[in-house]
Amino acid sequence: MFLFVEITPEAIIPGKSYQDKATGMMRPAQAKQNAYLHSGKAYPLPFMVKVPESGPYKPGRYLMTGEVFKTGEYGLDYRGSELQLCSFDDAAAIITGKPAIQKAA
């Protein structure tokens, strides 16, 4: 099975602030982006990804990276909070050891 995630140019969903129970201070929640998991079925599965501290993902197709899947007590556990995305071009450069080919403008 081959899975990839697509980020579309939809608006960023801002996080709602919440009150920290320990300190009583208001804390900002992390913003999210709409994403679509393509798994070879007729329709992609919509879900949300957290916006990284470095800024939102650009629209495009990404591979899932990070410690997303771990062996758990009952098999494979999905840990969405650990999800990171890597662009196809960056993944190709890592695999081949060569920089991605830049398209002419």
PDB file of N, CA and C in Angstrom:
ATOM      1  N   MET A   1       0.833  -1.169   0.000  1.00  0.00           N
ATOM      2  CA  MET A   1       0.000   0.000   0.000  1.00  0.00           C
ATOM      3  C   MET A   1       0.884   1.241   0.000  1.00  0.00           C
ATOM      4  N   PHE A   2       0.487   2.230  -0.763  1.00  0.00           N
ATOM      5  CA  PHE A   2       1.232   3.479  -0.852  1.00  0.00           C
ATOM      6  C   PHE A   2       0.325   4.597  -0.369  1.00  0.00           C
ATOM      7  N   LEU A   3       0.771   5.354   0.616  1.00  0.00           N
ATOM      8  CA  LEU A   3      -0.006   6.452   1.177  1.00  0.00           C
ATOM      9  C   LEU A   3       0.708   7.772   0.943  1.00  0.00           C
ATOM     10  N   PHE A   4      -0.049   8.801   0.612  1.00  0.00           N
ATOM     11  CA  PHE A   4       0.529  10.130   0.604  1.00  0.00           C
ATOM     12  C   PHE A   4      -0.524  11.125   1.063  1.00  0.00           C
ATOM     13  N   VAL A   5      -0.069  12.274   1.510  1.00  0.00           N
ATOM     14  CA  VAL A   5      -0.931  13.316   2.045  1.00  0.00           C
ATOM     15  C   VAL A   5      -0.900  14.506   1.097  1.00  0.00           C
ATOM     16  N   GLU A   6      -2.068  15.059   0.826  1.00  0.00           N
ATOM     17  CA  GLU A   6      -2.171  16.247  -0.017  1.00  0.00           C
ATOM     18  C   GLU A   6      -2.635  17.427   0.839  1.00  0.00           C
ATOM     19  N   ILE A   7      -1.911  18.532   0.727  1.00  0.00           N
ATOM     20  CA  ILE A   7      -2.305  19.783   1.369  1.00  0.00           C
ATOM     21  C   ILE A   7      -2.843  20.681   0.266  1.00  0.00           C
ATOM     22  N   THR A   8      -4.040  21.212   0.454  1.00  0.00           N
ATOM     23  CA  THR A   8      -4.662  22.082  -0.542  1.00  0.00           C
ATOM     24  C   THR A   8      -4.571  23.538  -0.075  1.00  0.00           C
ATOM     25  N   PRO A   9      -4.842  24.493  -0.957  1.00  0.00           N
ATOM     26  CA  PRO A   9      -4.701  25.907  -0.581  1.00  0.00           C
ATOM     27  C   PRO A   9      -5.871  26.439   0.256  1.00  0.00           C
ATOM     28  N   GLU A  10      -6.451  25.619   1.101  1.00  0.00           N
ATOM     29  CA  GLU A  10      -7.545  26.066   1.966  1.00  0.00           C
ATOM     30  C   GLU A  10      -6.980  26.915   3.100  1.00  0.00           C
ATOM     31  N   ALA A  11      -7.830  27.707   3.708  1.00  0.00           N
ATOM     32  CA  ALA A  11      -7.416  28.610   4.790  1.00  0.00           C
ATOM     33  C   ALA A  11      -6.936  27.824   6.012  1.00  0.00           C
ATOM     34  N   ILE A  12      -5.974  28.415   6.730  1.00  0.00           N
ATOM     35  CA  ILE A  12      -5.479  27.856   7.982  1.00  0.00           C
ATOM     36  C   ILE A  12      -6.571  28.036   9.043  1.00  0.00           C
ATOM     37  N   ILE A  13      -6.770  27.034   9.877  1.00  0.00           N
ATOM     38  CA  ILE A  13      -7.769  27.094  10.943  1.00  0.00           C
ATOM     39  C   ILE A  13      -7.043  27.491  12.223  1.00  0.00           C
ATOM     40  N   PRO A  14      -7.284  28.699  12.727  1.00  0.00           N
ATOM     41  CA  PRO A  14      -6.553  29.138  13.918  1.00  0.00           C
ATOM     42  C   PRO A  14      -6.946  28.316  15.144  1.00  0.00           C
ATOM     43  N   GLY A  15      -5.978  28.131  16.034  1.00  0.00           N
ATOM     44  CA  GLY A  15      -6.251  27.413  17.277  1.00  0.00           C
ATOM     45  C   GLY A  15      -6.981  28.310  18.257  1.00  0.00           C
ATOM     46  N   LYS A  16      -7.817  27.705  19.086  1.00  0.00           N
ATOM     47  CA  LYS A  16      -8.543  28.471  20.104  1.00  0.00           C
ATOM     48  C   LYS A  16      -7.702  28.500  21.374  1.00  0.00           C
ATOM     49  N   SER A  17      -7.591  29.664  21.975  1.00  0.00           N
ATOM     50  CA  SER A  17      -6.840  29.793  23.223  1.00  0.00           C
ATOM     51  C   SER A  17      -7.551  29.006  24.323  1.00  0.00           C
ATOM     52  N   TYR A  18      -6.768  28.546  25.276  1.00  0.00           N
ATOM     53  CA  TYR A  18      -7.333  27.801  26.400  1.00  0.00           C
ATOM     54  C   TYR A  18      -6.636  28.232  27.681  1.00  0.00           C
ATOM     55  N   GLN A  19      -7.295  27.993  28.798  1.00  0.00           N
ATOM     56  CA  GLN A  19      -6.740  28.371  30.090  1.00  0.00           C
ATOM     57  C   GLN A  19      -6.001  27.186  30.698  1.00  0.00           C
ATOM     58  N   ASP A  20      -4.728  27.393  30.995  1.00  0.00           N
ATOM     59  CA  ASP A  20      -3.902  26.361  31.625  1.00  0.00           C
ATOM     60  C   ASP A  20      -4.394  26.165  33.055  1.00  0.00           C
ATOM     61  N   LYS A  21      -4.800  24.947  33.378  1.00  0.00           N
ATOM     62  CA  LYS A  21      -5.350  24.667  34.704  1.00  0.00           C
ATOM     63  C   LYS A  21      -4.314  24.850  35.809  1.00  0.00           C
ATOM     64  N   ALA A  22      -3.072  24.573  35.523  1.00  0.00           N
ATOM     65  CA  ALA A  22      -2.031  24.668  36.551  1.00  0.00           C
ATOM     66  C   ALA A  22      -1.668  26.120  36.870  1.00  0.00           C
ATOM     67  N   THR A  23      -1.580  26.969  35.834  1.00  0.00           N
ATOM     68  CA  THR A  23      -1.132  28.353  36.046  1.00  0.00           C
ATOM     69  C   THR A  23      -2.256  29.373  35.963  1.00  0.00           C
ATOM     70  N   GLY A  24      -3.370  29.003  35.350  1.00  0.00           N
ATOM     71  CA  GLY A  24      -4.469  29.943  35.157  1.00  0.00           C
ATOM     72  C   GLY A  24      -4.246  30.901  34.004  1.00  0.00           C
ATOM     73  N   MET A  25      -3.111  30.783  33.313  1.00  0.00           N
ATOM     74  CA  MET A  25      -2.792  31.682  32.198  1.00  0.00           C
ATOM     75  C   MET A  25      -3.433  31.167  30.906  1.00  0.00           C
ATOM     76  N   MET A  26      -3.751  32.119  30.035  1.00  0.00           N
ATOM     77  CA  MET A  26      -4.284  31.754  28.720  1.00  0.00           C
ATOM     78  C   MET A  26      -3.133  31.332  27.820  1.00  0.00           C
ATOM     79  N   ARG A  27      -3.309  30.233  27.111  1.00  0.00           N
ATOM     80  CA  ARG A  27      -2.297  29.691  26.201  1.00  0.00           C
ATOM     81  C   ARG A  27      -2.888  29.580  24.798  1.00  0.00           C
ATOM     82  N   PRO A  28      -2.082  29.887  23.780  1.00  0.00           N
ATOM     83  CA  PRO A  28      -2.580  29.719  22.406  1.00  0.00           C
ATOM     84  C   PRO A  28      -2.538  28.243  22.001  1.00  0.00           C
ATOM     85  N   ALA A  29      -3.565  27.806  21.314  1.00  0.00           N
ATOM     86  CA  ALA A  29      -3.570  26.440  20.776  1.00  0.00           C
ATOM     87  C   ALA A  29      -2.956  26.474  19.379  1.00  0.00           C
ATOM     88  N   GLN A  30      -2.441  25.346  18.948  1.00  0.00           N
ATOM     89  CA  GLN A  30      -1.773  25.278  17.657  1.00  0.00           C
ATOM     90  C   GLN A  30      -2.792  25.305  16.519  1.00  0.00           C
ATOM     91  N   ALA A  31      -2.494  26.075  15.477  1.00  0.00           N
ATOM     92  CA  ALA A  31      -3.352  26.158  14.293  1.00  0.00           C
ATOM     93  C   ALA A  31      -3.287  24.834  13.531  1.00  0.00           C
ATOM     94  N   LYS A  32      -4.289  24.602  12.672  1.00  0.00           N
ATOM     95  CA  LYS A  32      -4.350  23.367  11.890  1.00  0.00           C
ATOM     96  C   LYS A  32      -4.628  23.669  10.428  1.00  0.00           C
ATOM     97  N   GLN A  33      -4.252  22.701   9.594  1.00  0.00           N
ATOM     98  CA  GLN A  33      -4.519  22.781   8.154  1.00  0.00           C
ATOM     99  C   GLN A  33      -5.304  21.555   7.735  1.00  0.00           C
ATOM    100  N   ASN A  34      -6.165  21.743   6.731  1.00  0.00           N
ATOM    101  CA  ASN A  34      -6.867  20.599   6.162  1.00  0.00           C
ATOM    102  C   ASN A  34      -5.891  19.790   5.321  1.00  0.00           C
ATOM    103  N   ALA A  35      -6.015  18.473   5.418  1.00  0.00           N
ATOM    104  CA  ALA A  35      -5.164  17.563   4.652  1.00  0.00           C
ATOM    105  C   ALA A  35      -6.023  16.397   4.174  1.00  0.00           C
ATOM    106  N   TYR A  36      -5.527  15.703   3.169  1.00  0.00           N
ATOM    107  CA  TYR A  36      -6.264  14.580   2.592  1.00  0.00           C
ATOM    108  C   TYR A  36      -5.318  13.407   2.408  1.00  0.00           C
ATOM    109  N   LEU A  37      -5.673  12.274   2.987  1.00  0.00           N
ATOM    110  CA  LEU A  37      -4.857  11.065   2.886  1.00  0.00           C
ATOM    111  C   LEU A  37      -5.309  10.257   1.684  1.00  0.00           C
ATOM    112  N   HIS A  38      -4.401  10.070   0.741  1.00  0.00           N
ATOM    113  CA  HIS A  38      -4.685   9.261  -0.455  1.00  0.00           C
ATOM    114  C   HIS A  38      -4.117   7.868  -0.222  1.00  0.00           C
ATOM    115  N   SER A  39      -4.990   6.880  -0.288  1.00  0.00           N
ATOM    116  CA  SER A  39      -4.558   5.502  -0.029  1.00  0.00           C
ATOM    117  C   SER A  39      -4.888   4.557  -1.175  1.00  0.00           C
ATOM    118  N   GLY A  40      -5.245   5.093  -2.334  1.00  0.00           N
ATOM    119  CA  GLY A  40      -5.562   4.254  -3.482  1.00  0.00           C
ATOM    120  C   GLY A  40      -7.040   3.921  -3.588  1.00  0.00           C
ATOM    121  N   LYS A  41      -7.843   4.390  -2.662  1.00  0.00           N
ATOM    122  CA  LYS A  41      -9.294   4.151  -2.717  1.00  0.00           C
ATOM    123  C   LYS A  41      -9.937   5.231  -3.578  1.00  0.00           C
ATOM    124  N   ALA A  42     -11.244   5.135  -3.777  1.00  0.00           N
ATOM    125  CA  ALA A  42     -11.945   6.066  -4.665  1.00  0.00           C
ATOM    126  C   ALA A  42     -11.853   7.513  -4.203  1.00  0.00           C
ATOM    127  N   TYR A  43     -11.892   7.753  -2.892  1.00  0.00           N
ATOM    128  CA  TYR A  43     -11.884   9.117  -2.374  1.00  0.00           C
ATOM    129  C   TYR A  43     -10.838   9.245  -1.278  1.00  0.00           C
ATOM    130  N   PRO A  44     -10.184  10.410  -1.194  1.00  0.00           N
ATOM    131  CA  PRO A  44      -9.208  10.614  -0.112  1.00  0.00           C
ATOM    132  C   PRO A  44      -9.917  10.804   1.230  1.00  0.00           C
ATOM    133  N   LEU A  45      -9.202  10.537   2.295  1.00  0.00           N
ATOM    134  CA  LEU A  45      -9.722  10.672   3.651  1.00  0.00           C
ATOM    135  C   LEU A  45      -9.308  12.037   4.203  1.00  0.00           C
ATOM    136  N   PRO A  46     -10.283  12.927   4.515  1.00  0.00           N
ATOM    137  CA  PRO A  46      -9.912  14.229   5.055  1.00  0.00           C
ATOM    138  C   PRO A  46      -9.520  14.131   6.532  1.00  0.00           C
ATOM    139  N   PHE A  47      -8.535  14.909   6.933  1.00  0.00           N
ATOM    140  CA  PHE A  47      -8.137  15.017   8.331  1.00  0.00           C
ATOM    141  C   PHE A  47      -7.397  16.332   8.506  1.00  0.00           C
ATOM    142  N   MET A  48      -6.952  16.632   9.707  1.00  0.00           N
ATOM    143  CA  MET A  48      -6.249  17.894   9.966  1.00  0.00           C
ATOM    144  C   MET A  48      -4.855  17.613  10.483  1.00  0.00           C
ATOM    145  N   VAL A  49      -3.904  18.473  10.091  1.00  0.00           N
ATOM    146  CA  VAL A  49      -2.541  18.392  10.598  1.00  0.00           C
ATOM    147  C   VAL A  49      -2.231  19.682  11.351  1.00  0.00           C
ATOM    148  N   LYS A  50      -1.402  19.583  12.371  1.00  0.00           N
ATOM    149  CA  LYS A  50      -0.971  20.771  13.106  1.00  0.00           C
ATOM    150  C   LYS A  50       0.003  21.565  12.240  1.00  0.00           C
ATOM    151  N   VAL A  51      -0.121  22.875  12.297  1.00  0.00           N
ATOM    152  CA  VAL A  51       0.799  23.745  11.566  1.00  0.00           C
ATOM    153  C   VAL A  51       2.136  23.740  12.310  1.00  0.00           C
ATOM    154  N   PRO A  52       3.233  23.390  11.638  1.00  0.00           N
ATOM    155  CA  PRO A  52       4.546  23.389  12.300  1.00  0.00           C
ATOM    156  C   PRO A  52       4.950  24.795  12.745  1.00  0.00           C
ATOM    157  N   GLU A  53       5.853  24.870  13.704  1.00  0.00           N
ATOM    158  CA  GLU A  53       6.345  26.162  14.190  1.00  0.00           C
ATOM    159  C   GLU A  53       7.017  26.959  13.073  1.00  0.00           C
ATOM    160  N   SER A  54       7.554  26.259  12.071  1.00  0.00           N
ATOM    161  CA  SER A  54       8.229  26.928  10.958  1.00  0.00           C
ATOM    162  C   SER A  54       7.252  27.580   9.983  1.00  0.00           C
ATOM    163  N   GLY A  55       5.949  27.335  10.144  1.00  0.00           N
ATOM    164  CA  GLY A  55       4.936  27.919   9.268  1.00  0.00           C
ATOM    165  C   GLY A  55       4.115  26.843   8.589  1.00  0.00           C
ATOM    166  N   PRO A  56       3.031  27.239   7.949  1.00  0.00           N
ATOM    167  CA  PRO A  56       2.147  26.256   7.322  1.00  0.00           C
ATOM    168  C   PRO A  56       2.804  25.526   6.151  1.00  0.00           C
ATOM    169  N   TYR A  57       2.311  24.319   5.904  1.00  0.00           N
ATOM    170  CA  TYR A  57       2.765  23.560   4.737  1.00  0.00           C
ATOM    171  C   TYR A  57       2.251  24.244   3.477  1.00  0.00           C
ATOM    172  N   LYS A  58       3.055  24.263   2.428  1.00  0.00           N
ATOM    173  CA  LYS A  58       2.625  24.791   1.141  1.00  0.00           C
ATOM    174  C   LYS A  58       1.718  23.756   0.489  1.00  0.00           C
ATOM    175  N   PRO A  59       0.777  24.195  -0.353  1.00  0.00           N
ATOM    176  CA  PRO A  59      -0.055  23.219  -1.067  1.00  0.00           C
ATOM    177  C   PRO A  59       0.828  22.267  -1.876  1.00  0.00           C
ATOM    178  N   GLY A  60       0.485  21.000  -1.855  1.00  0.00           N
ATOM    179  CA  GLY A  60       1.246  19.994  -2.585  1.00  0.00           C
ATOM    180  C   GLY A  60       1.056  18.616  -1.987  1.00  0.00           C
ATOM    181  N   ARG A  61       1.859  17.684  -2.472  1.00  0.00           N
ATOM    182  CA  ARG A  61       1.794  16.292  -2.015  1.00  0.00           C
ATOM    183  C   ARG A  61       2.996  15.984  -1.146  1.00  0.00           C
ATOM    184  N   TYR A  62       2.744  15.262  -0.068  1.00  0.00           N
ATOM    185  CA  TYR A  62       3.764  14.973   0.936  1.00  0.00           C
ATOM    186  C   TYR A  62       3.742  13.501   1.329  1.00  0.00           C
ATOM    187  N   LEU A  63       4.886  13.040   1.798  1.00  0.00           N
ATOM    188  CA  LEU A  63       4.982  11.718   2.398  1.00  0.00           C
ATOM    189  C   LEU A  63       4.920  11.881   3.912  1.00  0.00           C
ATOM    190  N   MET A  64       4.341  10.898   4.591  1.00  0.00           N
ATOM    191  CA  MET A  64       4.268  10.955   6.050  1.00  0.00           C
ATOM    192  C   MET A  64       5.610  10.536   6.633  1.00  0.00           C
ATOM    193  N   THR A  65       6.093  11.312   7.606  1.00  0.00           N
ATOM    194  CA  THR A  65       7.341  10.989   8.285  1.00  0.00           C
ATOM    195  C   THR A  65       7.129  11.179   9.781  1.00  0.00           C
ATOM    196  N   GLY A  66       8.183  11.025  10.537  1.00  0.00           N
ATOM    197  CA  GLY A  66       8.082  11.151  11.984  1.00  0.00           C
ATOM    198  C   GLY A  66       7.754   9.808  12.620  1.00  0.00           C
ATOM    199  N   GLU A  67       7.527   9.824  13.884  1.00  0.00           N
ATOM    200  CA  GLU A  67       7.215   8.609  14.637  1.00  0.00           C
ATOM    201  C   GLU A  67       5.705   8.391  14.661  1.00  0.00           C
ATOM    202  N   VAL A  68       5.080   8.364  13.480  1.00  0.00           N
ATOM    203  CA  VAL A  68       3.631   8.281  13.376  1.00  0.00           C
ATOM    204  C   VAL A  68       3.110   6.908  13.785  1.00  0.00           C
ATOM    205  N   PHE A  69       3.792   5.871  13.368  1.00  0.00           N
ATOM    206  CA  PHE A  69       3.353   4.515  13.686  1.00  0.00           C
ATOM    207  C   PHE A  69       4.352   3.861  14.628  1.00  0.00           C
ATOM    208  N   LYS A  70       3.850   3.310  15.706  1.00  0.00           N
ATOM    209  CA  LYS A  70       4.694   2.592  16.661  1.00  0.00           C
ATOM    210  C   LYS A  70       4.006   1.292  17.035  1.00  0.00           C
ATOM    211  N   THR A  71       4.796   0.314  17.384  1.00  0.00           N
ATOM    212  CA  THR A  71       4.237  -0.951  17.834  1.00  0.00           C
ATOM    213  C   THR A  71       3.662  -0.759  19.223  1.00  0.00           C
ATOM    214  N   GLY A  72       2.403  -1.111  19.378  1.00  0.00           N
ATOM    215  CA  GLY A  72       1.726  -0.971  20.661  1.00  0.00           C
ATOM    216  C   GLY A  72       1.354  -2.324  21.227  1.00  0.00           C
ATOM    217  N   GLU A  73       0.592  -2.296  22.280  1.00  0.00           N
ATOM    218  CA  GLU A  73       0.190  -3.528  22.968  1.00  0.00           C
ATOM    219  C   GLU A  73      -0.648  -4.431  22.067  1.00  0.00           C
ATOM    220  N   TYR A  74      -1.464  -3.825  21.192  1.00  0.00           N
ATOM    221  CA  TYR A  74      -2.356  -4.616  20.345  1.00  0.00           C
ATOM    222  C   TYR A  74      -2.012  -4.532  18.866  1.00  0.00           C
ATOM    223  N   GLY A  75      -0.807  -4.150  18.536  1.00  0.00           N
ATOM    224  CA  GLY A  75      -0.402  -4.055  17.145  1.00  0.00           C
ATOM    225  C   GLY A  75       0.172  -2.682  16.845  1.00  0.00           C
ATOM    226  N   LEU A  76      -0.179  -2.154  15.695  1.00  0.00           N
ATOM    227  CA  LEU A  76       0.362  -0.879  15.242  1.00  0.00           C
ATOM    228  C   LEU A  76      -0.501   0.270  15.755  1.00  0.00           C
ATOM    229  N   ASP A  77       0.104   1.220  16.464  1.00  0.00           N
ATOM    230  CA  ASP A  77      -0.601   2.393  16.983  1.00  0.00           C
ATOM    231  C   ASP A  77      -0.285   3.598  16.116  1.00  0.00           C
ATOM    232  N   TYR A  78      -1.314   4.395  15.828  1.00  0.00           N
ATOM    233  CA  TYR A  78      -1.145   5.652  15.093  1.00  0.00           C
ATOM    234  C   TYR A  78      -1.043   6.783  16.107  1.00  0.00           C
ATOM    235  N   ARG A  79      -0.023   7.614  15.979  1.00  0.00           N
ATOM    236  CA  ARG A  79       0.186   8.750  16.880  1.00  0.00           C
ATOM    237  C   ARG A  79       0.201  10.023  16.047  1.00  0.00           C
ATOM    238  N   GLY A  80      -0.988  10.554  15.843  1.00  0.00           N
ATOM    239  CA  GLY A  80      -1.146  11.735  14.998  1.00  0.00           C
ATOM    240  C   GLY A  80      -0.372  12.947  15.465  1.00  0.00           C
ATOM    241  N   SER A  81      -0.141  13.059  16.766  1.00  0.00           N
ATOM    242  CA  SER A  81       0.589  14.222  17.269  1.00  0.00           C
ATOM    243  C   SER A  81       2.049  14.215  16.823  1.00  0.00           C
ATOM    244  N   GLU A  82       2.544  13.072  16.373  1.00  0.00           N
ATOM    245  CA  GLU A  82       3.935  12.954  15.922  1.00  0.00           C
ATOM    246  C   GLU A  82       4.074  13.099  14.403  1.00  0.00           C
ATOM    247  N   LEU A  83       2.958  13.351  13.714  1.00  0.00           N
ATOM    248  CA  LEU A  83       2.968  13.424  12.256  1.00  0.00           C
ATOM    249  C   LEU A  83       3.810  14.595  11.762  1.00  0.00           C
ATOM    250  N   GLN A  84       4.676  14.308  10.812  1.00  0.00           N
ATOM    251  CA  GLN A  84       5.441  15.318  10.090  1.00  0.00           C
ATOM    252  C   GLN A  84       5.313  14.980   8.618  1.00  0.00           C
ATOM    253  N   LEU A  85       5.393  15.987   7.766  1.00  0.00           N
ATOM    254  CA  LEU A  85       5.273  15.768   6.327  1.00  0.00           C
ATOM    255  C   LEU A  85       6.554  16.173   5.626  1.00  0.00           C
ATOM    256  N   CYS A  86       6.902  15.422   4.588  1.00  0.00           N
ATOM    257  CA  CYS A  86       8.094  15.669   3.782  1.00  0.00           C
ATOM    258  C   CYS A  86       7.642  15.750   2.326  1.00  0.00           C
ATOM    259  N   SER A  87       8.005  16.825   1.620  1.00  0.00           N
ATOM    260  CA  SER A  87       7.579  16.964   0.223  1.00  0.00           C
ATOM    261  C   SER A  87       8.189  15.863  -0.632  1.00  0.00           C
ATOM    262  N   PHE A  88       7.541  15.556  -1.745  1.00  0.00           N
ATOM    263  CA  PHE A  88       8.057  14.535  -2.649  1.00  0.00           C
ATOM    264  C   PHE A  88       9.471  14.885  -3.106  1.00  0.00           C
ATOM    265  N   ASP A  89       9.696  16.173  -3.451  1.00  0.00           N
ATOM    266  CA  ASP A  89      11.020  16.594  -3.922  1.00  0.00           C
ATOM    267  C   ASP A  89      12.085  16.400  -2.855  1.00  0.00           C
ATOM    268  N   ASP A  90      11.764  16.774  -1.603  1.00  0.00           N
ATOM    269  CA  ASP A  90      12.730  16.590  -0.514  1.00  0.00           C
ATOM    270  C   ASP A  90      13.003  15.111  -0.266  1.00  0.00           C
ATOM    271  N   ALA A  91      11.958  14.281  -0.343  1.00  0.00           N
ATOM    272  CA  ALA A  91      12.138  12.842  -0.141  1.00  0.00           C
ATOM    273  C   ALA A  91      13.027  12.252  -1.233  1.00  0.00           C
ATOM    274  N   ALA A  92      12.812  12.663  -2.478  1.00  0.00           N
ATOM    275  CA  ALA A  92      13.633  12.169  -3.592  1.00  0.00           C
ATOM    276  C   ALA A  92      15.092  12.579  -3.406  1.00  0.00           C
ATOM    277  N   ALA A  93      15.313  13.811  -2.942  1.00  0.00           N
ATOM    278  CA  ALA A  93      16.680  14.287  -2.721  1.00  0.00           C
ATOM    279  C   ALA A  93      17.359  13.495  -1.608  1.00  0.00           C
ATOM    280  N   ILE A  94      16.615  13.172  -0.549  1.00  0.00           N
ATOM    281  CA  ILE A  94      17.175  12.384   0.557  1.00  0.00           C
ATOM    282  C   ILE A  94      17.515  10.971   0.092  1.00  0.00           C
ATOM    283  N   ILE A  95      16.609  10.364  -0.662  1.00  0.00           N
ATOM    284  CA  ILE A  95      16.799   8.979  -1.111  1.00  0.00           C
ATOM    285  C   ILE A  95      17.962   8.868  -2.095  1.00  0.00           C
ATOM    286  N   THR A  96      18.033   9.790  -3.046  1.00  0.00           N
ATOM    287  CA  THR A  96      19.045   9.702  -4.100  1.00  0.00           C
ATOM    288  C   THR A  96      20.340  10.405  -3.738  1.00  0.00           C
ATOM    289  N   GLY A  97      20.291  11.280  -2.749  1.00  0.00           N
ATOM    290  CA  GLY A  97      21.475  12.058  -2.402  1.00  0.00           C
ATOM    291  C   GLY A  97      21.740  13.180  -3.375  1.00  0.00           C
ATOM    292  N   LYS A  98      20.738  13.479  -4.231  1.00  0.00           N
ATOM    293  CA  LYS A  98      20.868  14.554  -5.213  1.00  0.00           C
ATOM    294  C   LYS A  98      19.769  15.577  -4.973  1.00  0.00           C
ATOM    295  N   PRO A  99      20.058  16.870  -5.196  1.00  0.00           N
ATOM    296  CA  PRO A  99      18.995  17.873  -5.035  1.00  0.00           C
ATOM    297  C   PRO A  99      17.897  17.674  -6.073  1.00  0.00           C
ATOM    298  N   ALA A 100      16.691  18.055  -5.723  1.00  0.00           N
ATOM    299  CA  ALA A 100      15.560  17.948  -6.637  1.00  0.00           C
ATOM    300  C   ALA A 100      15.795  18.867  -7.841  1.00  0.00           C
ATOM    301  N   ILE A 101      15.296  18.473  -8.993  1.00  0.00           N
ATOM    302  CA  ILE A 101      15.411  19.270 -10.201  1.00  0.00           C
ATOM    303  C   ILE A 101      14.411  20.425 -10.111  1.00  0.00           C
ATOM    304  N   GLN A 102      14.906  21.627 -10.313  1.00  0.00           N
ATOM    305  CA  GLN A 102      14.047  22.807 -10.263  1.00  0.00           C
ATOM    306  C   GLN A 102      13.400  23.016 -11.622  1.00  0.00           C
ATOM    307  N   LYS A 103      12.068  23.264 -11.620  1.00  0.00           N
ATOM    308  CA  LYS A 103      11.367  23.532 -12.864  1.00  0.00           C
ATOM    309  C   LYS A 103      11.617  24.981 -13.272  1.00  0.00           C
ATOM    310  N   ALA A 104      11.704  25.201 -14.574  1.00  0.00           N
ATOM    311  CA  ALA A 104      11.911  26.548 -15.102  1.00  0.00           C
ATOM    312  C   ALA A 104      10.650  27.377 -14.896  1.00  0.00           C
ATOM    313  N   ALA A 105      10.821  28.644 -14.616  1.00  0.00           N
ATOM    314  CA  ALA A 105       9.654  29.513 -14.383  1.00  0.00           C
ATOM    315  C   ALA A 105       9.008  29.925 -15.680  1.00  0.00           C
TER     316      ALA A 105
END
